[in-house]
Amino acid sequence: MNVKLETHRYGRSLVVRLGGELDLKTAGEFRDAVDRELERHEQIRNIVLIFDEVTFIDSSGLGAILGRYKRASQMGGKLVAAGLTPQIKKIFELSGLLKIIPVCDSETRALELV
């Protein structure tokens, strides 16, 4: 299955709406798409990931998310997640990502945090 990726800029933030599965087969596509946007728009400092249509994340997907978190930190910005379903929130909790990545209910709230 493919991952669905939609991106748009909001000020100094890159908003990425994800759908489908973020796994071994799709993590590279996600990573490359985000990195491409960051390189094209040097003024972007923050990344907001919207997960409301994500159905599954494995360790490869978690690694890709963590890598984008580190990249945002290196740029002097933040990575914030929003719209986590209960299943995806549980994966974040079990993996420890909830301890380092702020999570919001909505894109609007996430953009207020960055």
PDB file of N, CA and C in Angstrom:
ATOM      1  N   MET A   1       0.841  -1.189   0.000  1.00  0.00           N
ATOM      2  CA  MET A   1       0.000   0.000   0.000  1.00  0.00           C
ATOM      3  C   MET A   1       0.879   1.243   0.000  1.00  0.00           C
ATOM      4  N   ASN A   2       0.436   2.277  -0.635  1.00  0.00           N
ATOM      5  CA  ASN A   2       1.169   3.537  -0.680  1.00  0.00           C
ATOM      6  C   ASN A   2       0.750   4.446   0.457  1.00  0.00           C
ATOM      7  N   VAL A   3       1.661   5.337   0.794  1.00  0.00           N
ATOM      8  CA  VAL A   3       1.326   6.367   1.760  1.00  0.00           C
ATOM      9  C   VAL A   3       0.804   7.570   0.975  1.00  0.00           C
ATOM     10  N   LYS A   4      -0.208   8.210   1.518  1.00  0.00           N
ATOM     11  CA  LYS A   4      -0.750   9.430   0.915  1.00  0.00           C
ATOM     12  C   LYS A   4      -0.038  10.608   1.567  1.00  0.00           C
ATOM     13  N   LEU A   5       0.469  11.513   0.732  1.00  0.00           N
ATOM     14  CA  LEU A   5       1.188  12.681   1.233  1.00  0.00           C
ATOM     15  C   LEU A   5       0.648  13.941   0.574  1.00  0.00           C
ATOM     16  N   GLU A   6       0.224  14.879   1.375  1.00  0.00           N
ATOM     17  CA  GLU A   6      -0.158  16.198   0.875  1.00  0.00           C
ATOM     18  C   GLU A   6       0.603  17.220   1.703  1.00  0.00           C
ATOM     19  N   THR A   7       1.262  18.152   1.043  1.00  0.00           N
ATOM     20  CA  THR A   7       2.036  19.152   1.769  1.00  0.00           C
ATOM     21  C   THR A   7       1.583  20.557   1.389  1.00  0.00           C
ATOM     22  N   HIS A   8       1.673  21.442   2.356  1.00  0.00           N
ATOM     23  CA  HIS A   8       1.512  22.865   2.085  1.00  0.00           C
ATOM     24  C   HIS A   8       2.285  23.651   3.136  1.00  0.00           C
ATOM     25  N   ARG A   9       2.627  24.867   2.784  1.00  0.00           N
ATOM     26  CA  ARG A   9       3.349  25.729   3.708  1.00  0.00           C
ATOM     27  C   ARG A   9       2.370  26.643   4.432  1.00  0.00           C
ATOM     28  N   TYR A  10       2.695  26.920   5.670  1.00  0.00           N
ATOM     29  CA  TYR A  10       1.943  27.892   6.455  1.00  0.00           C
ATOM     30  C   TYR A  10       2.986  28.712   7.210  1.00  0.00           C
ATOM     31  N   GLY A  11       3.299  29.886   6.707  1.00  0.00           N
ATOM     32  CA  GLY A  11       4.357  30.695   7.309  1.00  0.00           C
ATOM     33  C   GLY A  11       5.688  29.965   7.229  1.00  0.00           C
ATOM     34  N   ARG A  12       6.302  29.758   8.376  1.00  0.00           N
ATOM     35  CA  ARG A  12       7.591  29.063   8.439  1.00  0.00           C
ATOM     36  C   ARG A  12       7.426  27.577   8.751  1.00  0.00           C
ATOM     37  N   SER A  13       6.229  27.064   8.517  1.00  0.00           N
ATOM     38  CA  SER A  13       5.939  25.660   8.814  1.00  0.00           C
ATOM     39  C   SER A  13       5.561  24.891   7.555  1.00  0.00           C
ATOM     40  N   LEU A  14       5.991  23.654   7.519  1.00  0.00           N
ATOM     41  CA  LEU A  14       5.577  22.713   6.486  1.00  0.00           C
ATOM     42  C   LEU A  14       4.536  21.795   7.107  1.00  0.00           C
ATOM     43  N   VAL A  15       3.345  21.769   6.531  1.00  0.00           N
ATOM     44  CA  VAL A  15       2.272  20.901   7.011  1.00  0.00           C
ATOM     45  C   VAL A  15       2.206  19.699   6.079  1.00  0.00           C
ATOM     46  N   VAL A  16       2.281  18.504   6.661  1.00  0.00           N
ATOM     47  CA  VAL A  16       2.247  17.262   5.887  1.00  0.00           C
ATOM     48  C   VAL A  16       1.071  16.430   6.376  1.00  0.00           C
ATOM     49  N   ARG A  17       0.090  16.222   5.504  1.00  0.00           N
ATOM     50  CA  ARG A  17      -1.060  15.372   5.826  1.00  0.00           C
ATOM     51  C   ARG A  17      -0.769  13.989   5.264  1.00  0.00           C
ATOM     52  N   LEU A  18      -0.790  13.017   6.157  1.00  0.00           N
ATOM     53  CA  LEU A  18      -0.459  11.637   5.798  1.00  0.00           C
ATOM     54  C   LEU A  18      -1.698  10.765   5.814  1.00  0.00           C
ATOM     55  N   GLY A  19      -1.680   9.735   4.982  1.00  0.00           N
ATOM     56  CA  GLY A  19      -2.753   8.750   4.966  1.00  0.00           C
ATOM     57  C   GLY A  19      -2.206   7.395   4.570  1.00  0.00           C
ATOM     58  N   GLY A  20      -2.900   6.352   4.965  1.00  0.00           N
ATOM     59  CA  GLY A  20      -2.467   4.996   4.633  1.00  0.00           C
ATOM     60  C   GLY A  20      -1.467   4.464   5.639  1.00  0.00           C
ATOM     61  N   GLU A  21      -0.509   3.694   5.141  1.00  0.00           N
ATOM     62  CA  GLU A  21       0.468   3.039   6.004  1.00  0.00           C
ATOM     63  C   GLU A  21       1.835   3.696   5.862  1.00  0.00           C
ATOM     64  N   LEU A  22       2.465   3.949   6.991  1.00  0.00           N
ATOM     65  CA  LEU A  22       3.825   4.478   7.019  1.00  0.00           C
ATOM     66  C   LEU A  22       4.708   3.345   7.527  1.00  0.00           C
ATOM     67  N   ASP A  23       5.294   2.611   6.584  1.00  0.00           N
ATOM     68  CA  ASP A  23       6.020   1.391   6.933  1.00  0.00           C
ATOM     69  C   ASP A  23       7.290   1.267   6.103  1.00  0.00           C
ATOM     70  N   LEU A  24       7.886   0.093   6.124  1.00  0.00           N
ATOM     71  CA  LEU A  24       9.134  -0.157   5.405  1.00  0.00           C
ATOM     72  C   LEU A  24       9.037   0.247   3.940  1.00  0.00           C
ATOM     73  N   LYS A  25       7.899  -0.009   3.322  1.00  0.00           N
ATOM     74  CA  LYS A  25       7.728   0.289   1.896  1.00  0.00           C
ATOM     75  C   LYS A  25       7.522   1.774   1.614  1.00  0.00           C
ATOM     76  N   THR A  26       7.018   2.520   2.573  1.00  0.00           N
ATOM     77  CA  THR A  26       6.638   3.914   2.307  1.00  0.00           C
ATOM     78  C   THR A  26       7.430   4.952   3.101  1.00  0.00           C
ATOM     79  N   ALA A  27       8.196   4.526   4.097  1.00  0.00           N
ATOM     80  CA  ALA A  27       8.927   5.478   4.942  1.00  0.00           C
ATOM     81  C   ALA A  27       9.905   6.320   4.127  1.00  0.00           C
ATOM     82  N   GLY A  28      10.570   5.713   3.153  1.00  0.00           N
ATOM     83  CA  GLY A  28      11.508   6.451   2.314  1.00  0.00           C
ATOM     84  C   GLY A  28      10.820   7.516   1.482  1.00  0.00           C
ATOM     85  N   GLU A  29       9.649   7.190   0.969  1.00  0.00           N
ATOM     86  CA  GLU A  29       8.868   8.154   0.189  1.00  0.00           C
ATOM     87  C   GLU A  29       8.490   9.359   1.055  1.00  0.00           C
ATOM     88  N   PHE A  30       8.053   9.084   2.284  1.00  0.00           N
ATOM     89  CA  PHE A  30       7.717  10.146   3.235  1.00  0.00           C
ATOM     90  C   PHE A  30       8.945  11.007   3.529  1.00  0.00           C
ATOM     91  N   ARG A  31      10.046  10.352   3.890  1.00  0.00           N
ATOM     92  CA  ARG A  31      11.287  11.060   4.224  1.00  0.00           C
ATOM     93  C   ARG A  31      11.738  11.951   3.059  1.00  0.00           C
ATOM     94  N   ASP A  32      11.766  11.377   1.861  1.00  0.00           N
ATOM     95  CA  ASP A  32      12.232  12.120   0.691  1.00  0.00           C
ATOM     96  C   ASP A  32      11.325  13.300   0.360  1.00  0.00           C
ATOM     97  N   ALA A  33      10.015  13.117   0.473  1.00  0.00           N
ATOM     98  CA  ALA A  33       9.070  14.197   0.165  1.00  0.00           C
ATOM     99  C   ALA A  33       9.240  15.367   1.135  1.00  0.00           C
ATOM    100  N   VAL A  34       9.372  15.062   2.418  1.00  0.00           N
ATOM    101  CA  VAL A  34       9.550  16.126   3.411  1.00  0.00           C
ATOM    102  C   VAL A  34      10.889  16.824   3.190  1.00  0.00           C
ATOM    103  N   ASP A  35      11.949  16.054   3.013  1.00  0.00           N
ATOM    104  CA  ASP A  35      13.271  16.654   2.820  1.00  0.00           C
ATOM    105  C   ASP A  35      13.322  17.518   1.561  1.00  0.00           C
ATOM    106  N   ARG A  36      12.660  17.081   0.506  1.00  0.00           N
ATOM    107  CA  ARG A  36      12.608  17.853  -0.738  1.00  0.00           C
ATOM    108  C   ARG A  36      11.953  19.225  -0.498  1.00  0.00           C
ATOM    109  N   GLU A  37      10.843  19.220   0.236  1.00  0.00           N
ATOM    110  CA  GLU A  37      10.160  20.485   0.536  1.00  0.00           C
ATOM    111  C   GLU A  37      11.023  21.394   1.409  1.00  0.00           C
ATOM    112  N   LEU A  38      11.728  20.813   2.370  1.00  0.00           N
ATOM    113  CA  LEU A  38      12.595  21.612   3.237  1.00  0.00           C
ATOM    114  C   LEU A  38      13.736  22.235   2.441  1.00  0.00           C
ATOM    115  N   GLU A  39      14.261  21.511   1.477  1.00  0.00           N
ATOM    116  CA  GLU A  39      15.344  22.040   0.646  1.00  0.00           C
ATOM    117  C   GLU A  39      14.840  23.117  -0.315  1.00  0.00           C
ATOM    118  N   ARG A  40      13.617  22.964  -0.807  1.00  0.00           N
ATOM    119  CA  ARG A  40      13.041  23.945  -1.745  1.00  0.00           C
ATOM    120  C   ARG A  40      12.675  25.253  -1.063  1.00  0.00           C
ATOM    121  N   HIS A  41      12.327  25.182   0.206  1.00  0.00           N
ATOM    122  CA  HIS A  41      11.844  26.358   0.941  1.00  0.00           C
ATOM    123  C   HIS A  41      12.699  26.536   2.195  1.00  0.00           C
ATOM    124  N   GLU A  42      13.819  27.225   2.040  1.00  0.00           N
ATOM    125  CA  GLU A  42      14.796  27.352   3.122  1.00  0.00           C
ATOM    126  C   GLU A  42      14.262  28.082   4.349  1.00  0.00           C
ATOM    127  N   GLN A  43      13.198  28.862   4.195  1.00  0.00           N
ATOM    128  CA  GLN A  43      12.661  29.611   5.335  1.00  0.00           C
ATOM    129  C   GLN A  43      11.848  28.727   6.286  1.00  0.00           C
ATOM    130  N   ILE A  44      11.512  27.522   5.882  1.00  0.00           N
ATOM    131  CA  ILE A  44      10.735  26.623   6.743  1.00  0.00           C
ATOM    132  C   ILE A  44      11.601  26.151   7.905  1.00  0.00           C
ATOM    133  N   ARG A  45      11.042  26.222   9.103  1.00  0.00           N
ATOM    134  CA  ARG A  45      11.733  25.764  10.310  1.00  0.00           C
ATOM    135  C   ARG A  45      10.965  24.663  11.040  1.00  0.00           C
ATOM    136  N   ASN A  46       9.657  24.633  10.864  1.00  0.00           N
ATOM    137  CA  ASN A  46       8.813  23.719  11.630  1.00  0.00           C
ATOM    138  C   ASN A  46       8.115  22.724  10.714  1.00  0.00           C
ATOM    139  N   ILE A  47       7.815  21.562  11.278  1.00  0.00           N
ATOM    140  CA  ILE A  47       7.093  20.528  10.548  1.00  0.00           C
ATOM    141  C   ILE A  47       5.878  20.127  11.380  1.00  0.00           C
ATOM    142  N   VAL A  48       4.711  20.147  10.751  1.00  0.00           N
ATOM    143  CA  VAL A  48       3.478  19.685  11.386  1.00  0.00           C
ATOM    144  C   VAL A  48       3.009  18.464  10.608  1.00  0.00           C
ATOM    145  N   LEU A  49       2.935  17.331  11.291  1.00  0.00           N
ATOM    146  CA  LEU A  49       2.493  16.085  10.668  1.00  0.00           C
ATOM    147  C   LEU A  49       1.071  15.785  11.111  1.00  0.00           C
ATOM    148  N   ILE A  50       0.177  15.581  10.140  1.00  0.00           N
ATOM    149  CA  ILE A  50      -1.229  15.290  10.418  1.00  0.00           C
ATOM    150  C   ILE A  50      -1.463  13.809  10.128  1.00  0.00           C
ATOM    151  N   PHE A  51      -1.875  13.072  11.144  1.00  0.00           N
ATOM    152  CA  PHE A  51      -1.973  11.615  11.056  1.00  0.00           C
ATOM    153  C   PHE A  51      -3.399  11.079  11.014  1.00  0.00           C
ATOM    154  N   ASP A  52      -4.409  11.917  10.816  1.00  0.00           N
ATOM    155  CA  ASP A  52      -5.791  11.458  10.971  1.00  0.00           C
ATOM    156  C   ASP A  52      -6.217  10.376   9.982  1.00  0.00           C
ATOM    157  N   GLU A  53      -5.477  10.198   8.887  1.00  0.00           N
ATOM    158  CA  GLU A  53      -5.824   9.152   7.924  1.00  0.00           C
ATOM    159  C   GLU A  53      -4.781   8.033   7.872  1.00  0.00           C
ATOM    160  N   VAL A  54      -3.867   8.010   8.833  1.00  0.00           N
ATOM    161  CA  VAL A  54      -2.846   6.957   8.890  1.00  0.00           C
ATOM    162  C   VAL A  54      -3.441   5.741   9.591  1.00  0.00           C
ATOM    163  N   THR A  55      -3.260   4.578   8.975  1.00  0.00           N
ATOM    164  CA  THR A  55      -3.835   3.349   9.525  1.00  0.00           C
ATOM    165  C   THR A  55      -2.811   2.463  10.215  1.00  0.00           C
ATOM    166  N   PHE A  56      -1.516   2.670   9.919  1.00  0.00           N
ATOM    167  CA  PHE A  56      -0.487   1.797  10.479  1.00  0.00           C
ATOM    168  C   PHE A  56       0.869   2.480  10.395  1.00  0.00           C
ATOM    169  N   ILE A  57       1.695   2.293  11.427  1.00  0.00           N
ATOM    170  CA  ILE A  57       3.089   2.748  11.422  1.00  0.00           C
ATOM    171  C   ILE A  57       3.938   1.624  11.996  1.00  0.00           C
ATOM    172  N   ASP A  58       5.041   1.280  11.293  1.00  0.00           N
ATOM    173  CA  ASP A  58       5.976   0.303  11.845  1.00  0.00           C
ATOM    174  C   ASP A  58       7.268   1.019  12.249  1.00  0.00           C
ATOM    175  N   SER A  59       8.288   0.248  12.613  1.00  0.00           N
ATOM    176  CA  SER A  59       9.531   0.844  13.100  1.00  0.00           C
ATOM    177  C   SER A  59      10.215   1.702  12.037  1.00  0.00           C
ATOM    178  N   SER A  60      10.086   1.347  10.774  1.00  0.00           N
ATOM    179  CA  SER A  60      10.669   2.171   9.706  1.00  0.00           C
ATOM    180  C   SER A  60       9.974   3.529   9.641  1.00  0.00           C
ATOM    181  N   GLY A  61       8.665   3.530   9.784  1.00  0.00           N
ATOM    182  CA  GLY A  61       7.917   4.777   9.805  1.00  0.00           C
ATOM    183  C   GLY A  61       8.272   5.626  11.012  1.00  0.00           C
ATOM    184  N   LEU A  62       8.410   4.979  12.176  1.00  0.00           N
ATOM    185  CA  LEU A  62       8.802   5.705  13.382  1.00  0.00           C
ATOM    186  C   LEU A  62      10.184   6.325  13.208  1.00  0.00           C
ATOM    187  N   GLY A  63      11.093   5.573  12.582  1.00  0.00           N
ATOM    188  CA  GLY A  63      12.434   6.090  12.331  1.00  0.00           C
ATOM    189  C   GLY A  63      12.418   7.299  11.413  1.00  0.00           C
ATOM    190  N   ALA A  64      11.565   7.261  10.395  1.00  0.00           N
ATOM    191  CA  ALA A  64      11.454   8.393   9.470  1.00  0.00           C
ATOM    192  C   ALA A  64      10.885   9.621  10.182  1.00  0.00           C
ATOM    193  N   ILE A  65       9.912   9.412  11.058  1.00  0.00           N
ATOM    194  CA  ILE A  65       9.349  10.521  11.842  1.00  0.00           C
ATOM    195  C   ILE A  65      10.426  11.104  12.751  1.00  0.00           C
ATOM    196  N   LEU A  66      11.153  10.241  13.454  1.00  0.00           N
ATOM    197  CA  LEU A  66      12.207  10.697  14.357  1.00  0.00           C
ATOM    198  C   LEU A  66      13.290  11.462  13.594  1.00  0.00           C
ATOM    199  N   GLY A  67      13.622  11.000  12.408  1.00  0.00           N
ATOM    200  CA  GLY A  67      14.601  11.705  11.585  1.00  0.00           C
ATOM    201  C   GLY A  67      14.152  13.101  11.208  1.00  0.00           C
ATOM    202  N   ARG A  68      12.858  13.271  10.904  1.00  0.00           N
ATOM    203  CA  ARG A  68      12.335  14.596  10.575  1.00  0.00           C
ATOM    204  C   ARG A  68      12.296  15.473  11.829  1.00  0.00           C
ATOM    205  N   TYR A  69      12.041  14.864  12.992  1.00  0.00           N
ATOM    206  CA  TYR A  69      12.098  15.592  14.263  1.00  0.00           C
ATOM    207  C   TYR A  69      13.508  16.158  14.471  1.00  0.00           C
ATOM    208  N   LYS A  70      14.509  15.318  14.248  1.00  0.00           N
ATOM    209  CA  LYS A  70      15.897  15.766  14.414  1.00  0.00           C
ATOM    210  C   LYS A  70      16.236  16.865  13.415  1.00  0.00           C
ATOM    211  N   ARG A  71      15.750  16.716  12.201  1.00  0.00           N
ATOM    212  CA  ARG A  71      16.025  17.726  11.167  1.00  0.00           C
ATOM    213  C   ARG A  71      15.402  19.063  11.558  1.00  0.00           C
ATOM    214  N   ALA A  72      14.158  19.044  12.033  1.00  0.00           N
ATOM    215  CA  ALA A  72      13.516  20.287  12.472  1.00  0.00           C
ATOM    216  C   ALA A  72      14.299  20.914  13.623  1.00  0.00           C
ATOM    217  N   SER A  73      14.752  20.101  14.560  1.00  0.00           N
ATOM    218  CA  SER A  73      15.535  20.607  15.691  1.00  0.00           C
ATOM    219  C   SER A  73      16.831  21.247  15.216  1.00  0.00           C
ATOM    220  N   GLN A  74      17.499  20.620  14.251  1.00  0.00           N
ATOM    221  CA  GLN A  74      18.749  21.164  13.714  1.00  0.00           C
ATOM    222  C   GLN A  74      18.526  22.496  13.009  1.00  0.00           C
ATOM    223  N   MET A  75      17.329  22.704  12.471  1.00  0.00           N
ATOM    224  CA  MET A  75      17.000  23.962  11.786  1.00  0.00           C
ATOM    225  C   MET A  75      16.523  25.030  12.768  1.00  0.00           C
ATOM    226  N   GLY A  76      16.478  24.687  14.055  1.00  0.00           N
ATOM    227  CA  GLY A  76      16.011  25.628  15.057  1.00  0.00           C
ATOM    228  C   GLY A  76      14.503  25.668  15.186  1.00  0.00           C
ATOM    229  N   GLY A  77      13.839  24.625  14.701  1.00  0.00           N
ATOM    230  CA  GLY A  77      12.378  24.576  14.739  1.00  0.00           C
ATOM    231  C   GLY A  77      11.857  23.411  15.552  1.00  0.00           C
ATOM    232  N   LYS A  78      10.593  23.096  15.317  1.00  0.00           N
ATOM    233  CA  LYS A  78       9.909  22.027  16.047  1.00  0.00           C
ATOM    234  C   LYS A  78       9.203  21.105  15.071  1.00  0.00           C
ATOM    235  N   LEU A  79       8.947  19.902  15.524  1.00  0.00           N
ATOM    236  CA  LEU A  79       8.039  18.990  14.833  1.00  0.00           C
ATOM    237  C   LEU A  79       6.890  18.720  15.785  1.00  0.00           C
ATOM    238  N   VAL A  80       5.676  18.897  15.299  1.00  0.00           N
ATOM    239  CA  VAL A  80       4.473  18.666  16.091  1.00  0.00           C
ATOM    240  C   VAL A  80       3.572  17.718  15.310  1.00  0.00           C
ATOM    241  N   ALA A  81       2.950  16.787  16.019  1.00  0.00           N
ATOM    242  CA  ALA A  81       2.027  15.833  15.397  1.00  0.00           C
ATOM    243  C   ALA A  81       0.595  16.194  15.783  1.00  0.00           C
ATOM    244  N   ALA A  82      -0.333  15.919  14.873  1.00  0.00           N
ATOM    245  CA  ALA A  82      -1.743  16.209  15.141  1.00  0.00           C
ATOM    246  C   ALA A  82      -2.620  15.128  14.534  1.00  0.00           C
ATOM    247  N   GLY A  83      -3.827  15.004  15.086  1.00  0.00           N
ATOM    248  CA  GLY A  83      -4.820  14.103  14.519  1.00  0.00           C
ATOM    249  C   GLY A  83      -4.504  12.632  14.676  1.00  0.00           C
ATOM    250  N   LEU A  84      -3.817  12.261  15.744  1.00  0.00           N
ATOM    251  CA  LEU A  84      -3.495  10.849  15.939  1.00  0.00           C
ATOM    252  C   LEU A  84      -4.749  10.059  16.298  1.00  0.00           C
ATOM    253  N   THR A  85      -4.983   8.976  15.585  1.00  0.00           N
ATOM    254  CA  THR A  85      -6.062   8.062  15.954  1.00  0.00           C
ATOM    255  C   THR A  85      -5.637   7.335  17.226  1.00  0.00           C
ATOM    256  N   PRO A  86      -6.560   6.711  17.946  1.00  0.00           N
ATOM    257  CA  PRO A  86      -6.170   5.974  19.150  1.00  0.00           C
ATOM    258  C   PRO A  86      -5.088   4.920  18.877  1.00  0.00           C
ATOM    259  N   GLN A  87      -5.183   4.228  17.748  1.00  0.00           N
ATOM    260  CA  GLN A  87      -4.187   3.204  17.413  1.00  0.00           C
ATOM    261  C   GLN A  87      -2.806   3.829  17.196  1.00  0.00           C
ATOM    262  N   ILE A  88      -2.747   4.913  16.462  1.00  0.00           N
ATOM    263  CA  ILE A  88      -1.470   5.566  16.177  1.00  0.00           C
ATOM    264  C   ILE A  88      -0.917   6.216  17.444  1.00  0.00           C
ATOM    265  N   LYS A  89      -1.785   6.778  18.276  1.00  0.00           N
ATOM    266  CA  LYS A  89      -1.324   7.356  19.538  1.00  0.00           C
ATOM    267  C   LYS A  89      -0.704   6.282  20.423  1.00  0.00           C
ATOM    268  N   LYS A  90      -1.271   5.096  20.419  1.00  0.00           N
ATOM    269  CA  LYS A  90      -0.721   3.985  21.199  1.00  0.00           C
ATOM    270  C   LYS A  90       0.672   3.610  20.687  1.00  0.00           C
ATOM    271  N   ILE A  91       0.853   3.593  19.368  1.00  0.00           N
ATOM    272  CA  ILE A  91       2.167   3.304  18.788  1.00  0.00           C
ATOM    273  C   ILE A  91       3.171   4.379  19.213  1.00  0.00           C
ATOM    274  N   PHE A  92       2.761   5.642  19.189  1.00  0.00           N
ATOM    275  CA  PHE A  92       3.633   6.728  19.647  1.00  0.00           C
ATOM    276  C   PHE A  92       3.998   6.530  21.119  1.00  0.00           C
ATOM    277  N   GLU A  93       3.020   6.132  21.914  1.00  0.00           N
ATOM    278  CA  GLU A  93       3.257   5.936  23.343  1.00  0.00           C
ATOM    279  C   GLU A  93       4.235   4.790  23.584  1.00  0.00           C
ATOM    280  N   LEU A  94       3.994   3.649  22.962  1.00  0.00           N
ATOM    281  CA  LEU A  94       4.847   2.477  23.162  1.00  0.00           C
ATOM    282  C   LEU A  94       6.272   2.705  22.668  1.00  0.00           C
ATOM    283  N   SER A  95       6.421   3.509  21.626  1.00  0.00           N
ATOM    284  CA  SER A  95       7.746   3.760  21.052  1.00  0.00           C
ATOM    285  C   SER A  95       8.520   4.850  21.794  1.00  0.00           C
ATOM    286  N   GLY A  96       7.843   5.608  22.630  1.00  0.00           N
ATOM    287  CA  GLY A  96       8.489   6.706  23.336  1.00  0.00           C
ATOM    288  C   GLY A  96       8.409   8.041  22.612  1.00  0.00           C
ATOM    289  N   LEU A  97       7.823   8.077  21.412  1.00  0.00           N
ATOM    290  CA  LEU A  97       7.725   9.340  20.671  1.00  0.00           C
ATOM    291  C   LEU A  97       6.853  10.367  21.390  1.00  0.00           C
ATOM    292  N   LEU A  98       5.866   9.899  22.163  1.00  0.00           N
ATOM    293  CA  LEU A  98       5.010  10.848  22.893  1.00  0.00           C
ATOM    294  C   LEU A  98       5.803  11.682  23.890  1.00  0.00           C
ATOM    295  N   LYS A  99       6.951  11.168  24.327  1.00  0.00           N
ATOM    296  CA  LYS A  99       7.768  11.902  25.295  1.00  0.00           C
ATOM    297  C   LYS A  99       8.561  13.036  24.654  1.00  0.00           C
ATOM    298  N   ILE A 100       8.776  12.962  23.333  1.00  0.00           N
ATOM    299  CA  ILE A 100       9.614  13.982  22.698  1.00  0.00           C
ATOM    300  C   ILE A 100       8.883  14.836  21.662  1.00  0.00           C
ATOM    301  N   ILE A 101       7.807  14.310  21.092  1.00  0.00           N
ATOM    302  CA  ILE A 101       7.077  15.039  20.053  1.00  0.00           C
ATOM    303  C   ILE A 101       5.743  15.525  20.616  1.00  0.00           C
ATOM    304  N   PRO A 102       5.522  16.849  20.609  1.00  0.00           N
ATOM    305  CA  PRO A 102       4.226  17.357  21.061  1.00  0.00           C
ATOM    306  C   PRO A 102       3.102  16.851  20.145  1.00  0.00           C
ATOM    307  N   VAL A 103       1.974  16.506  20.753  1.00  0.00           N
ATOM    308  CA  VAL A 103       0.825  15.987  20.010  1.00  0.00           C
ATOM    309  C   VAL A 103      -0.384  16.870  20.298  1.00  0.00           C
ATOM    310  N   CYS A 104      -1.100  17.242  19.227  1.00  0.00           N
ATOM    311  CA  CYS A 104      -2.298  18.080  19.338  1.00  0.00           C
ATOM    312  C   CYS A 104      -3.473  17.382  18.675  1.00  0.00           C
ATOM    313  N   ASP A 105      -4.671  17.831  19.015  1.00  0.00           N
ATOM    314  CA  ASP A 105      -5.873  17.267  18.407  1.00  0.00           C
ATOM    315  C   ASP A 105      -6.100  17.753  16.986  1.00  0.00           C
ATOM    316  N   SER A 106      -5.628  18.972  16.672  1.00  0.00           N
ATOM    317  CA  SER A 106      -5.953  19.551  15.367  1.00  0.00           C
ATOM    318  C   SER A 106      -4.745  20.234  14.738  1.00  0.00           C
ATOM    319  N   GLU A 107      -4.831  20.415  13.437  1.00  0.00           N
ATOM    320  CA  GLU A 107      -3.800  21.154  12.703  1.00  0.00           C
ATOM    321  C   GLU A 107      -3.704  22.585  13.225  1.00  0.00           C
ATOM    322  N   THR A 108      -4.838  23.198  13.493  1.00  0.00           N
ATOM    323  CA  THR A 108      -4.860  24.575  13.986  1.00  0.00           C
ATOM    324  C   THR A 108      -4.079  24.703  15.284  1.00  0.00           C
ATOM    325  N   ARG A 109      -4.339  23.806  16.208  1.00  0.00           N
ATOM    326  CA  ARG A 109      -3.637  23.835  17.503  1.00  0.00           C
ATOM    327  C   ARG A 109      -2.145  23.567  17.315  1.00  0.00           C
ATOM    328  N   ALA A 110      -1.804  22.633  16.424  1.00  0.00           N
ATOM    329  CA  ALA A 110      -0.395  22.323  16.164  1.00  0.00           C
ATOM    330  C   ALA A 110       0.336  23.547  15.624  1.00  0.00           C
ATOM    331  N   LEU A 111      -0.312  24.279  14.720  1.00  0.00           N
ATOM    332  CA  LEU A 111       0.314  25.475  14.158  1.00  0.00           C
ATOM    333  C   LEU A 111       0.487  26.572  15.202  1.00  0.00           C
ATOM    334  N   GLU A 112      -0.363  26.574  16.225  1.00  0.00           N
ATOM    335  CA  GLU A 112      -0.206  27.534  17.316  1.00  0.00           C
ATOM    336  C   GLU A 112       1.025  27.220  18.163  1.00  0.00           C
ATOM    337  N   LEU A 113       1.423  25.939  18.208  1.00  0.00           N
ATOM    338  CA  LEU A 113       2.558  25.526  19.037  1.00  0.00           C
ATOM    339  C   LEU A 113       3.915  25.785  18.394  1.00  0.00           C
ATOM    340  N   VAL A 114       3.939  25.941  17.079  1.00  0.00           N
ATOM    341  CA  VAL A 114       5.241  26.069  16.402  1.00  0.00           C
ATOM    342  C   VAL A 114       5.651  27.505  16.184  1.00  0.00           C
TER     343      VAL A 114
END
